[in-house]
């Protein structure tokens, strides 16, 4: 084959490959736009990221009152040239996930929660005003209906979060809010609200800015038992719910993946 023929053949192949990659990019862009179109409640872009995670240590409040984490230093920089800590952590400490397995015999463990359920539209239900007057306030079906009247239907795959204003109390006794009889008082989800979400929406998670999905005085964990066995998950001790909009944000849940776990501390943020 002559030199000019070889050069033309190479040129044709390069042009063909360039057209292929342009076509692939166009298909990818079209798919991305299509996804954004089909899930309008997900942020198409974001100008801000809000951390929804409390920093925790042995002093962070826990449901049972005992410290939820113990850190011991195995290596230090001065002697070893690097730092390394050994951790002993209660799965349900700080901002954390309640996996379905937490309140069911054979529900999904934390490592089995589908990753598609961990990036979700965030719906914030504000009950901070009634919680300021009543520490035992709960999210009710009426609160959900009011949210829907204002913001539209709860999107499929959503996390519905309760903002009670409790997040600012983590530094003192007011977070557990124990009375003289040893009973805790803080807001949570009423079981009827959980049932409404299960029966009437495609929500995959509920979240609270308190220690429990159930309100403090609950003796039967009715909301946990209604919600988690349906292979939906919960988030407790969520932070900064007053810094994100009632609708339109996208929640990203960095769930742990220790095999067979009933939950675990998570780094969670919202894209607005």
Protein backbone atom coordinates (compact mmCIF):
# COMPACT_ATOMS: atom_id res chain seq x y z
CA UNK A 1 0.00 0.00 0.00
CA UNK A 2 1.35 3.48 -0.87
CA UNK A 3 2.27 5.98 1.84
CA UNK A 4 -0.60 8.31 0.98
CA UNK A 5 -3.04 5.37 1.14
CA UNK A 6 -1.79 4.42 4.62
CA UNK A 7 -2.11 8.04 5.81
CA UNK A 8 -5.66 8.31 4.47
CA UNK A 9 -6.64 4.99 6.08
CA UNK A 10 -5.32 6.12 9.49
CA UNK A 11 -7.09 9.47 9.11
CA UNK A 12 -10.39 7.73 8.34
CA UNK A 13 -10.05 5.50 11.40
CA UNK A 14 -9.33 8.49 13.66
CA UNK A 15 -12.37 10.35 12.35
CA UNK A 16 -14.50 7.25 12.85
CA UNK A 17 -13.32 6.86 16.46
CA UNK A 18 -13.93 10.57 17.15
CA UNK A 19 -17.50 10.25 15.86
CA UNK A 20 -18.00 7.20 18.07
CA UNK A 21 -16.92 9.02 21.25
CA UNK A 22 -19.04 12.07 20.38
CA UNK A 23 -22.05 9.83 19.93
CA UNK A 24 -21.33 8.09 23.26
CA UNK A 25 -21.07 11.42 25.04
CA UNK A 26 -24.36 12.53 23.54
CA UNK A 27 -26.08 9.33 24.70
CA UNK A 28 -24.66 9.77 28.22
CA UNK A 29 -25.80 13.39 28.35
CA UNK A 30 -29.24 12.39 27.14
CA UNK A 31 -29.47 9.70 29.81
CA UNK A 32 -28.46 12.17 32.50
CA UNK A 33 -31.06 14.66 31.35
CA UNK A 34 -33.64 11.91 31.17
CA UNK A 35 -32.90 10.89 34.77
CA UNK A 36 -33.22 14.47 35.95
CA UNK A 37 -36.52 14.76 34.13
CA UNK A 38 -38.00 11.64 35.68
CA UNK A 39 -37.00 12.55 39.24
CA UNK A 40 -37.74 16.27 39.53
CA UNK A 41 -37.46 16.22 43.32
CA UNK A 42 -33.76 15.34 43.09
CA UNK A 43 -31.40 18.28 42.90
CA UNK A 44 -30.43 18.80 39.22
CA UNK A 45 -27.51 20.81 40.49
CA UNK A 46 -26.52 22.26 43.83
CA UNK A 47 -24.90 25.39 45.07
CA UNK A 48 -24.48 24.26 48.66
CA UNK A 49 -23.76 21.14 50.68
CA UNK A 50 -25.01 20.99 54.27
CA UNK A 51 -23.55 18.54 56.76
CA UNK A 52 -26.38 16.72 58.54
CA UNK A 53 -24.07 14.81 60.90
CA UNK A 54 -23.29 15.46 64.56
CA UNK A 55 -19.69 15.08 65.65
CA UNK A 56 -19.80 12.56 68.48
CA UNK A 57 -17.58 11.35 71.27
CA UNK A 58 -18.06 9.54 74.59
CA UNK A 59 -20.12 12.50 75.87
CA UNK A 60 -22.68 12.45 73.05
CA UNK A 61 -26.11 11.47 74.39
CA UNK A 62 -27.27 7.91 73.75
CA UNK A 63 -30.64 6.22 74.20
CA UNK A 64 -29.49 4.12 77.17
CA UNK A 65 -27.27 6.82 78.62
CA UNK A 66 -23.97 4.93 78.49
CA UNK A 67 -21.14 6.25 76.29
CA UNK A 68 -21.54 5.04 72.72
CA UNK A 69 -17.89 5.08 71.69
CA UNK A 70 -14.53 4.26 73.24
CA UNK A 71 -11.29 5.31 71.56
CA UNK A 72 -7.91 3.96 72.56
CA UNK A 73 -4.74 5.03 70.80
CA UNK A 74 -2.75 2.11 69.46
CA UNK A 75 -0.04 4.21 67.79
CA UNK A 76 0.98 7.84 68.14
CA UNK A 77 2.87 10.13 65.83
CA UNK A 78 5.66 10.98 68.29
CA UNK A 79 6.71 7.38 68.88
CA UNK A 80 5.53 5.62 65.74
CA UNK A 81 5.42 8.25 63.03
CA UNK A 82 1.65 7.86 62.57
CA UNK A 83 -1.60 7.95 64.57
CA UNK A 84 -4.05 5.06 64.84
CA UNK A 85 -7.00 4.58 67.16
CA UNK A 86 -8.90 1.43 68.07
CA UNK A 87 -12.65 2.03 68.28
CA UNK A 88 -15.39 0.26 70.21
CA UNK A 89 -18.68 1.70 68.96
CA UNK A 90 -22.33 1.04 69.74
CA UNK A 91 -24.01 0.81 66.32
CA UNK A 92 -26.71 3.26 67.40
CA UNK A 93 -24.51 6.18 68.40
CA UNK A 94 -24.42 9.73 67.07
CA UNK A 95 -26.02 10.38 63.69
CA UNK A 96 -26.75 6.81 62.65
CA UNK A 97 -28.78 4.39 60.56
CA UNK A 98 -31.46 2.04 61.87
CA UNK A 99 -31.37 -0.87 59.42
CA UNK A 100 -34.53 -2.98 58.98
CA UNK A 101 -32.76 -5.78 60.91
CA UNK A 102 -32.72 -3.56 64.01
CA UNK A 103 -36.40 -4.32 64.71
CA UNK A 104 -37.09 -7.44 62.68
CA UNK A 105 -35.94 -11.04 62.66
CA UNK A 106 -34.80 -11.22 59.05
CA UNK A 107 -34.86 -7.69 57.61
CA UNK A 108 -32.05 -6.14 55.63
CA UNK A 109 -28.83 -5.62 57.56
CA UNK A 110 -27.12 -2.27 57.12
CA UNK A 111 -24.81 -3.62 54.40
CA UNK A 112 -27.85 -4.90 52.46
CA UNK A 113 -29.66 -1.55 52.16
CA UNK A 114 -29.69 -0.81 48.40
CA UNK A 115 -27.37 2.03 47.50
CA UNK A 116 -30.19 3.42 45.36
CA UNK A 117 -32.11 4.06 48.60
CA UNK A 118 -29.23 6.03 50.14
CA UNK A 119 -29.42 8.99 47.74
CA UNK A 120 -32.90 10.38 48.09
CA UNK A 121 -35.15 13.43 47.91
CA UNK A 122 -35.35 15.06 51.35
CA UNK A 123 -38.73 16.14 52.73
CA UNK A 124 -38.49 18.12 56.00
CA UNK A 125 -41.60 18.23 58.19
CA UNK A 126 -41.35 21.06 60.69
CA UNK A 127 -42.91 20.45 64.09
CA UNK A 128 -40.48 22.62 66.06
CA UNK A 129 -43.19 25.03 67.17
CA UNK A 130 -45.39 22.40 68.79
CA UNK A 131 -42.30 20.60 70.13
CA UNK A 132 -41.27 23.80 71.90
CA UNK A 133 -44.57 23.65 73.77
CA UNK A 134 -44.71 19.85 74.19
CA UNK A 135 -41.56 17.73 74.41
CA UNK A 136 -43.63 14.64 73.59
CA UNK A 137 -44.89 16.08 70.27
CA UNK A 138 -45.09 13.70 67.32
CA UNK A 139 -45.26 13.88 63.53
CA UNK A 140 -48.87 12.98 62.71
CA UNK A 141 -50.76 12.25 59.48
CA UNK A 142 -52.07 15.84 59.67
CA UNK A 143 -48.49 17.13 59.61
CA UNK A 144 -47.77 15.02 56.54
CA UNK A 145 -50.94 16.22 54.82
CA UNK A 146 -49.99 19.83 55.55
CA UNK A 147 -46.55 19.23 54.01
CA UNK A 148 -48.16 17.71 50.91
CA UNK A 149 -50.62 20.60 50.59
CA UNK A 150 -47.70 23.03 50.54
CA UNK A 151 -45.04 21.09 48.64
CA UNK A 152 -46.84 18.52 46.53
CA UNK A 153 -46.68 14.70 46.70
CA UNK A 154 -43.91 13.03 48.65
CA UNK A 155 -41.53 11.71 45.95
CA UNK A 156 -40.79 8.03 45.50
CA UNK A 157 -37.59 7.05 47.25
CA UNK A 158 -37.80 10.00 49.66
CA UNK A 159 -36.49 10.40 53.18
CA UNK A 160 -39.12 12.14 55.30
CA UNK A 161 -37.41 13.94 58.17
CA UNK A 162 -38.80 15.44 61.35
CA UNK A 163 -37.39 18.82 62.39
CA UNK A 164 -38.30 19.31 66.04
CA UNK A 165 -35.52 21.72 66.96
CA UNK A 166 -33.96 19.09 69.21
CA UNK A 167 -30.59 19.15 67.46
CA UNK A 168 -29.39 22.14 69.47
CA UNK A 169 -29.82 20.27 72.77
CA UNK A 170 -27.10 17.62 72.28
CA UNK A 171 -24.66 19.38 74.58
CA UNK A 172 -26.78 19.01 77.72
CA UNK A 173 -29.29 16.92 79.65
CA UNK A 174 -32.18 18.39 77.67
CA UNK A 175 -31.55 16.04 74.73
CA UNK A 176 -32.50 12.88 76.65
CA UNK A 177 -34.78 15.01 78.84
CA UNK A 178 -35.29 12.46 81.62
CA UNK A 179 -37.98 13.16 84.20
CA UNK A 180 -38.00 12.23 87.90
CA UNK A 181 -39.32 8.76 87.09
CA UNK A 182 -36.54 8.01 84.62
CA UNK A 183 -38.72 8.47 81.52
CA UNK A 184 -37.34 10.37 78.52
CA UNK A 185 -39.28 13.11 76.74
CA UNK A 186 -38.48 14.10 73.15
CA UNK A 187 -40.39 14.20 69.84
CA UNK A 188 -40.72 11.41 67.26
CA UNK A 189 -42.96 9.93 64.57
CA UNK A 190 -46.45 8.76 65.49
CA UNK A 191 -47.08 5.21 64.29
CA UNK A 192 -50.04 6.42 62.23
CA UNK A 193 -47.76 8.78 60.31
CA UNK A 194 -45.39 5.90 59.60
CA UNK A 195 -48.31 3.77 58.41
CA UNK A 196 -49.51 6.57 56.13
CA UNK A 197 -46.08 6.80 54.53
CA UNK A 198 -45.96 3.03 54.05
CA UNK A 199 -49.44 2.77 52.54
CA UNK A 200 -49.66 5.98 50.52
CA UNK A 201 -46.12 6.92 49.44
CA UNK A 202 -42.92 5.43 48.08
CA UNK A 203 -40.75 6.86 50.89
CA UNK A 204 -37.80 4.63 51.80
CA UNK A 205 -36.63 6.33 55.00
CA UNK A 206 -37.76 8.42 57.93
CA UNK A 207 -35.39 10.55 59.98
CA UNK A 208 -35.47 12.41 63.28
CA UNK A 209 -33.31 14.97 65.04
CA UNK A 210 -33.78 13.07 68.31
CA UNK A 211 -32.61 9.80 69.84
CA UNK A 212 -35.41 7.63 68.48
CA UNK A 213 -37.92 7.28 65.65
CA UNK A 214 -40.50 6.85 68.43
CA UNK A 215 -41.05 9.73 70.82
CA UNK A 216 -39.29 9.58 74.19
CA UNK A 217 -42.03 8.14 76.41
CA UNK A 218 -42.81 5.28 74.03
CA UNK A 219 -42.87 1.93 75.79
CA UNK A 220 -43.67 -0.25 72.77
CA UNK A 221 -41.51 1.18 69.91
CA UNK A 222 -44.61 1.07 67.72
CA UNK A 223 -43.08 3.21 64.98
CA UNK A 224 -39.90 1.13 64.83
CA UNK A 225 -41.95 -2.06 64.58
CA UNK A 226 -44.24 -0.61 61.90
CA UNK A 227 -41.52 0.94 59.73
CA UNK A 228 -38.35 -1.16 59.82
CA UNK A 229 -39.79 -4.63 59.09
CA UNK A 230 -41.00 -3.31 55.70
CA UNK A 231 -37.32 -3.06 54.65
CA UNK A 232 -37.33 0.70 54.98
CA UNK A 233 -34.65 2.30 57.12
CA UNK A 234 -34.46 5.07 59.70
CA UNK A 235 -32.01 7.82 60.63
CA UNK A 236 -31.65 9.14 64.18
CA UNK A 237 -29.83 12.21 65.55
CA UNK A 238 -29.87 14.03 62.21
CA UNK A 239 -28.37 17.54 62.43
CA UNK A 240 -29.03 20.93 60.83
CA UNK A 241 -32.54 20.30 59.54
CA UNK A 242 -33.22 24.01 60.04
CA UNK A 243 -30.60 24.79 57.37
CA UNK A 244 -32.21 22.96 54.45
CA UNK A 245 -35.48 23.63 52.59
CA UNK A 246 -38.67 21.69 53.24
CA UNK A 247 -38.39 20.19 49.76
CA UNK A 248 -35.93 20.13 46.88
CA UNK A 249 -32.75 18.99 48.64
CA UNK A 250 -31.06 15.66 47.96
CA UNK A 251 -29.90 13.61 50.94
CA UNK A 252 -26.77 11.47 50.63
CA UNK A 253 -26.51 8.81 53.32
CA UNK A 254 -23.06 7.33 53.91
CA UNK A 255 -24.27 4.14 55.57
CA UNK A 256 -21.67 1.74 56.98
CA UNK A 257 -21.33 -1.70 55.42
CA UNK A 258 -20.25 -4.03 58.22
CA UNK A 259 -21.79 -7.37 57.36
CA UNK A 260 -24.90 -8.29 59.33
CA UNK A 261 -25.09 -4.98 61.20
CA UNK A 262 -28.33 -3.61 62.64
CA UNK A 263 -27.24 -0.06 61.86
CA UNK A 264 -24.29 2.20 62.43
CA UNK A 265 -22.92 5.74 62.56
CA UNK A 266 -23.12 7.48 59.18
CA UNK A 267 -21.82 10.62 57.50
CA UNK A 268 -24.85 12.27 55.97
CA UNK A 269 -25.11 15.47 53.93
CA UNK A 270 -27.70 17.34 51.90
CA UNK A 271 -27.13 18.89 48.50
CA UNK A 272 -29.25 21.99 48.03
